[in-house]
Amino acid sequence: MQLVLRCPRTCRGENYVLKKRLLLIGGTLSLGLGIVGMLVPVLPTTPFLLLTAYCYLRSSERMHAWLMNHRLFGSYIHNYMEYRAISSRARIISLIGLWASLAVSFILVAVPAVRWVLVLVGVGVSVHLLMLKTMPKAAQGNADHMPDPAEREDPTQL
């Protein structure tokens, strides 16, 4: 008879380390795509930033804390996840940036089909941004400070 020893929960094994590394790499790639999405009108920013937060939450407390306390990304991600809303300032900057980059792309691209796709993407993203709730003024001040994960009821939840 062979005795099988089970590893306690604190001992996670090689699969756990591999999973954490893959999530960390995926989160970093997603962050890069989110940053590129700020400049390229066809690439969305928000889904990549939310994916980054998810990956970092499950792979690295340090990287998740860095992201959530980041000057540009932290309050944006928090407001979107917590309130499903964005500030008026973020909405205006997003719309101006979107249509400015679409205008440049429209001028540089001579293919009519691509121009139509750019316009459709612009309209779709604009509708999405305009349908999001606007952060109330009182919540905007509180949302700029991200609570420490230890202060949350469940630190594993975003």
C-alpha atoms as a PDB file:
ATOM      1  CA  MET A   1       0.000   0.000   0.000  1.00  0.00           C
ATOM      2  CA  GLN A   2       1.343   3.390  -0.983  1.00  0.00           C
ATOM      3  CA  LEU A   3       0.749   6.451   1.182  1.00  0.00           C
ATOM      4  CA  VAL A   4      -0.175   9.567  -0.794  1.00  0.00           C
ATOM      5  CA  LEU A   5       0.657  12.838   0.882  1.00  0.00           C
ATOM      6  CA  ARG A   6      -1.347  15.862  -0.142  1.00  0.00           C
ATOM      7  CA  CYS A   7       0.233  19.250  -0.211  1.00  0.00           C
ATOM      8  CA  PRO A   8      -1.503  21.725   2.130  1.00  0.00           C
ATOM      9  CA  ARG A   9      -3.130  24.811   0.610  1.00  0.00           C
ATOM     10  CA  THR A  10      -0.103  26.921   1.451  1.00  0.00           C
ATOM     11  CA  CYS A  11       2.017  24.736  -0.806  1.00  0.00           C
ATOM     12  CA  ARG A  12       0.812  25.610  -4.293  1.00  0.00           C
ATOM     13  CA  GLY A  13       3.286  23.737  -6.478  1.00  0.00           C
ATOM     14  CA  GLU A  14       4.719  24.394  -9.917  1.00  0.00           C
ATOM     15  CA  ASN A  15       1.334  24.891 -11.595  1.00  0.00           C
ATOM     16  CA  TYR A  16       0.576  27.781  -9.256  1.00  0.00           C
ATOM     17  CA  VAL A  17       3.883  29.497 -10.050  1.00  0.00           C
ATOM     18  CA  LEU A  18       3.343  28.983 -13.784  1.00  0.00           C
ATOM     19  CA  LYS A  19      -0.206  30.349 -13.545  1.00  0.00           C
ATOM     20  CA  LYS A  20       0.985  33.452 -11.680  1.00  0.00           C
ATOM     21  CA  ARG A  21       3.713  34.086 -14.244  1.00  0.00           C
ATOM     22  CA  LEU A  22       1.342  33.652 -17.180  1.00  0.00           C
ATOM     23  CA  LEU A  23      -1.185  36.009 -15.562  1.00  0.00           C
ATOM     24  CA  LEU A  24       1.559  38.558 -14.901  1.00  0.00           C
ATOM     25  CA  ILE A  25       2.742  38.376 -18.520  1.00  0.00           C
ATOM     26  CA  GLY A  26      -0.861  38.525 -19.808  1.00  0.00           C
ATOM     27  CA  GLY A  27      -1.602  41.520 -17.589  1.00  0.00           C
ATOM     28  CA  THR A  28       1.488  43.343 -18.807  1.00  0.00           C
ATOM     29  CA  LEU A  29       0.654  42.647 -22.462  1.00  0.00           C
ATOM     30  CA  SER A  30      -2.920  43.774 -21.829  1.00  0.00           C
ATOM     31  CA  LEU A  31      -1.653  46.986 -20.229  1.00  0.00           C
ATOM     32  CA  GLY A  32       0.522  47.634 -23.284  1.00  0.00           C
ATOM     33  CA  LEU A  33      -2.459  47.129 -25.590  1.00  0.00           C
ATOM     34  CA  GLY A  34      -4.550  49.421 -23.389  1.00  0.00           C
ATOM     35  CA  ILE A  35      -1.932  52.149 -23.656  1.00  0.00           C
ATOM     36  CA  VAL A  36      -1.755  51.707 -27.434  1.00  0.00           C
ATOM     37  CA  GLY A  37      -5.565  51.853 -27.438  1.00  0.00           C
ATOM     38  CA  MET A  38      -5.366  55.362 -26.035  1.00  0.00           C
ATOM     39  CA  LEU A  39      -3.635  56.439 -29.226  1.00  0.00           C
ATOM     40  CA  VAL A  40      -5.216  54.158 -31.838  1.00  0.00           C
ATOM     41  CA  PRO A  41      -8.934  54.748 -32.351  1.00  0.00           C
ATOM     42  CA  VAL A  42      -9.835  51.175 -33.377  1.00  0.00           C
ATOM     43  CA  LEU A  43      -8.241  49.515 -30.322  1.00  0.00           C
ATOM     44  CA  PRO A  44     -10.319  49.763 -27.123  1.00  0.00           C
ATOM     45  CA  THR A  45      -8.656  50.874 -23.899  1.00  0.00           C
ATOM     46  CA  THR A  46     -11.101  49.986 -21.131  1.00  0.00           C
ATOM     47  CA  PRO A  47     -11.377  46.205 -21.722  1.00  0.00           C
ATOM     48  CA  PHE A  48      -7.590  45.887 -21.759  1.00  0.00           C
ATOM     49  CA  LEU A  49      -7.214  47.898 -18.550  1.00  0.00           C
ATOM     50  CA  LEU A  50      -9.896  45.794 -16.850  1.00  0.00           C
ATOM     51  CA  LEU A  51      -8.156  42.621 -18.018  1.00  0.00           C
ATOM     52  CA  THR A  52      -4.886  43.997 -16.662  1.00  0.00           C
ATOM     53  CA  ALA A  53      -6.501  44.605 -13.275  1.00  0.00           C
ATOM     54  CA  TYR A  54      -7.900  41.063 -13.258  1.00  0.00           C
ATOM     55  CA  CYS A  55      -4.559  39.475 -14.181  1.00  0.00           C
ATOM     56  CA  TYR A  56      -2.551  41.552 -11.712  1.00  0.00           C
ATOM     57  CA  LEU A  57      -5.061  40.887  -8.921  1.00  0.00           C
ATOM     58  CA  ARG A  58      -4.526  37.159  -9.325  1.00  0.00           C
ATOM     59  CA  SER A  59      -0.785  37.230  -9.937  1.00  0.00           C
ATOM     60  CA  SER A  60       0.955  40.080  -8.112  1.00  0.00           C
ATOM     61  CA  GLU A  61      -0.251  42.171  -5.192  1.00  0.00           C
ATOM     62  CA  ARG A  62       2.506  44.674  -5.919  1.00  0.00           C
ATOM     63  CA  MET A  63       1.556  45.157  -9.589  1.00  0.00           C
ATOM     64  CA  HIS A  64      -2.162  45.330  -8.758  1.00  0.00           C
ATOM     65  CA  ALA A  65      -1.517  47.978  -6.104  1.00  0.00           C
ATOM     66  CA  TRP A  66       0.671  49.895  -8.581  1.00  0.00           C
ATOM     67  CA  LEU A  67      -2.051  49.793 -11.247  1.00  0.00           C
ATOM     68  CA  MET A  68      -4.900  50.744  -8.937  1.00  0.00           C
ATOM     69  CA  ASN A  69      -2.910  53.626  -7.446  1.00  0.00           C
ATOM     70  CA  HIS A  70      -1.531  54.801 -10.797  1.00  0.00           C
ATOM     71  CA  ARG A  71      -2.082  58.491 -11.482  1.00  0.00           C
ATOM     72  CA  LEU A  72      -3.797  57.892 -14.849  1.00  0.00           C
ATOM     73  CA  PHE A  73      -5.245  54.386 -14.700  1.00  0.00           C
ATOM     74  CA  GLY A  74      -6.171  53.881 -11.044  1.00  0.00           C
ATOM     75  CA  SER A  75      -9.186  56.125 -10.625  1.00  0.00           C
ATOM     76  CA  TYR A  76     -10.379  55.371 -14.175  1.00  0.00           C
ATOM     77  CA  ILE A  77     -10.434  51.607 -13.525  1.00  0.00           C
ATOM     78  CA  HIS A  78     -11.905  52.025 -10.048  1.00  0.00           C
ATOM     79  CA  ASN A  79     -14.698  54.342 -11.231  1.00  0.00           C
ATOM     80  CA  TYR A  80     -15.577  52.069 -14.118  1.00  0.00           C
ATOM     81  CA  MET A  81     -15.653  48.913 -11.980  1.00  0.00           C
ATOM     82  CA  GLU A  82     -17.243  50.415  -8.867  1.00  0.00           C
ATOM     83  CA  TYR A  83     -19.802  52.801 -10.365  1.00  0.00           C
ATOM     84  CA  ARG A  84     -19.976  51.841 -14.065  1.00  0.00           C
ATOM     85  CA  ALA A  85     -19.351  55.535 -14.607  1.00  0.00           C
ATOM     86  CA  ILE A  86     -16.661  57.959 -15.708  1.00  0.00           C
ATOM     87  CA  SER A  87     -15.977  61.542 -14.795  1.00  0.00           C
ATOM     88  CA  SER A  88     -17.126  64.347 -17.096  1.00  0.00           C
ATOM     89  CA  ARG A  89     -13.489  65.260 -17.669  1.00  0.00           C
ATOM     90  CA  ALA A  90     -12.580  61.694 -18.726  1.00  0.00           C
ATOM     91  CA  ARG A  91     -15.560  61.574 -21.081  1.00  0.00           C
ATOM     92  CA  ILE A  92     -14.642  64.878 -22.756  1.00  0.00           C
ATOM     93  CA  ILE A  93     -10.954  63.958 -23.095  1.00  0.00           C
ATOM     94  CA  SER A  94     -11.882  60.534 -24.482  1.00  0.00           C
ATOM     95  CA  LEU A  95     -14.291  61.932 -27.050  1.00  0.00           C
ATOM     96  CA  ILE A  96     -11.881  64.650 -28.199  1.00  0.00           C
ATOM     97  CA  GLY A  97      -8.986  62.195 -28.399  1.00  0.00           C
ATOM     98  CA  LEU A  98     -11.116  59.636 -30.231  1.00  0.00           C
ATOM     99  CA  TRP A  99     -12.378  62.003 -32.886  1.00  0.00           C
ATOM    100  CA  ALA A 100      -9.002  63.754 -33.298  1.00  0.00           C
ATOM    101  CA  SER A 101      -7.237  60.446 -33.940  1.00  0.00           C
ATOM    102  CA  LEU A 102     -10.074  59.318 -36.218  1.00  0.00           C
ATOM    103  CA  ALA A 103      -9.787  62.559 -38.194  1.00  0.00           C
ATOM    104  CA  VAL A 104      -6.042  62.033 -38.674  1.00  0.00           C
ATOM    105  CA  SER A 105      -6.641  58.398 -39.695  1.00  0.00           C
ATOM    106  CA  PHE A 106      -9.412  59.489 -42.044  1.00  0.00           C
ATOM    107  CA  ILE A 107      -7.068  61.957 -43.751  1.00  0.00           C
ATOM    108  CA  LEU A 108      -4.199  59.469 -44.037  1.00  0.00           C
ATOM    109  CA  VAL A 109      -6.288  56.551 -45.325  1.00  0.00           C
ATOM    110  CA  ALA A 110      -7.640  56.838 -48.857  1.00  0.00           C
ATOM    111  CA  VAL A 111      -9.585  53.550 -48.911  1.00  0.00           C
ATOM    112  CA  PRO A 112     -13.331  54.314 -48.653  1.00  0.00           C
ATOM    113  CA  ALA A 113     -14.174  51.024 -46.880  1.00  0.00           C
ATOM    114  CA  VAL A 114     -11.606  51.739 -44.158  1.00  0.00           C
ATOM    115  CA  ARG A 115     -12.959  55.259 -43.762  1.00  0.00           C
ATOM    116  CA  TRP A 116     -16.455  53.845 -43.198  1.00  0.00           C
ATOM    117  CA  VAL A 117     -15.107  51.426 -40.606  1.00  0.00           C
ATOM    118  CA  LEU A 118     -13.378  54.329 -38.813  1.00  0.00           C
ATOM    119  CA  VAL A 119     -16.603  56.322 -38.740  1.00  0.00           C
ATOM    120  CA  LEU A 120     -18.603  53.323 -37.478  1.00  0.00           C
ATOM    121  CA  VAL A 121     -16.039  52.643 -34.750  1.00  0.00           C
ATOM    122  CA  GLY A 122     -16.096  56.303 -33.762  1.00  0.00           C
ATOM    123  CA  VAL A 123     -19.880  56.374 -33.556  1.00  0.00           C
ATOM    124  CA  GLY A 124     -19.961  53.098 -31.603  1.00  0.00           C
ATOM    125  CA  VAL A 125     -17.359  54.219 -29.060  1.00  0.00           C
ATOM    126  CA  SER A 126     -18.999  57.634 -28.749  1.00  0.00           C
ATOM    127  CA  VAL A 127     -22.390  56.054 -28.061  1.00  0.00           C
ATOM    128  CA  HIS A 128     -20.794  53.815 -25.425  1.00  0.00           C
ATOM    129  CA  LEU A 129     -19.055  56.755 -23.741  1.00  0.00           C
ATOM    130  CA  LEU A 130     -22.206  58.858 -23.791  1.00  0.00           C
ATOM    131  CA  MET A 131     -24.317  56.038 -22.349  1.00  0.00           C
ATOM    132  CA  LEU A 132     -22.011  55.556 -19.350  1.00  0.00           C
ATOM    133  CA  LYS A 133     -23.174  57.255 -16.191  1.00  0.00           C
ATOM    134  CA  THR A 134     -21.383  60.417 -15.126  1.00  0.00           C
ATOM    135  CA  MET A 135     -19.669  60.275 -11.758  1.00  0.00           C
ATOM    136  CA  PRO A 136     -21.464  62.408  -9.188  1.00  0.00           C
ATOM    137  CA  LYS A 137     -19.328  65.301  -7.943  1.00  0.00           C
ATOM    138  CA  ALA A 138     -19.289  63.894  -4.385  1.00  0.00           C
ATOM    139  CA  ALA A 139     -18.095  60.470  -5.561  1.00  0.00           C
ATOM    140  CA  GLN A 140     -15.394  61.967  -7.792  1.00  0.00           C
ATOM    141  CA  GLY A 141     -13.508  63.289  -4.789  1.00  0.00           C
ATOM    142  CA  ASN A 142     -13.741  59.970  -2.936  1.00  0.00           C
ATOM    143  CA  ALA A 143     -12.921  57.863  -5.972  1.00  0.00           C
ATOM    144  CA  ASP A 144      -9.551  59.513  -6.482  1.00  0.00           C
ATOM    145  CA  HIS A 145      -8.256  57.690  -3.394  1.00  0.00           C
ATOM    146  CA  MET A 146      -8.153  53.950  -3.850  1.00  0.00           C
ATOM    147  CA  PRO A 147      -8.744  51.992  -0.648  1.00  0.00           C
ATOM    148  CA  ASP A 148      -5.973  49.707   0.473  1.00  0.00           C
ATOM    149  CA  PRO A 149      -6.845  46.042  -0.271  1.00  0.00           C
ATOM    150  CA  ALA A 150      -6.708  45.387   3.477  1.00  0.00           C
ATOM    151  CA  GLU A 151      -9.456  48.013   3.980  1.00  0.00           C
ATOM    152  CA  ARG A 152     -11.857  46.246   1.623  1.00  0.00           C
ATOM    153  CA  GLU A 153     -14.341  43.663   2.872  1.00  0.00           C
ATOM    154  CA  ASP A 154     -13.020  41.096   0.387  1.00  0.00           C
ATOM    155  CA  PRO A 155      -9.524  42.027  -0.876  1.00  0.00           C
ATOM    156  CA  THR A 156      -9.705  39.444  -3.685  1.00  0.00           C
ATOM    157  CA  GLN A 157     -12.612  41.231  -5.344  1.00  0.00           C
ATOM    158  CA  LEU A 158     -12.122  44.138  -7.703  1.00  0.00           C
END
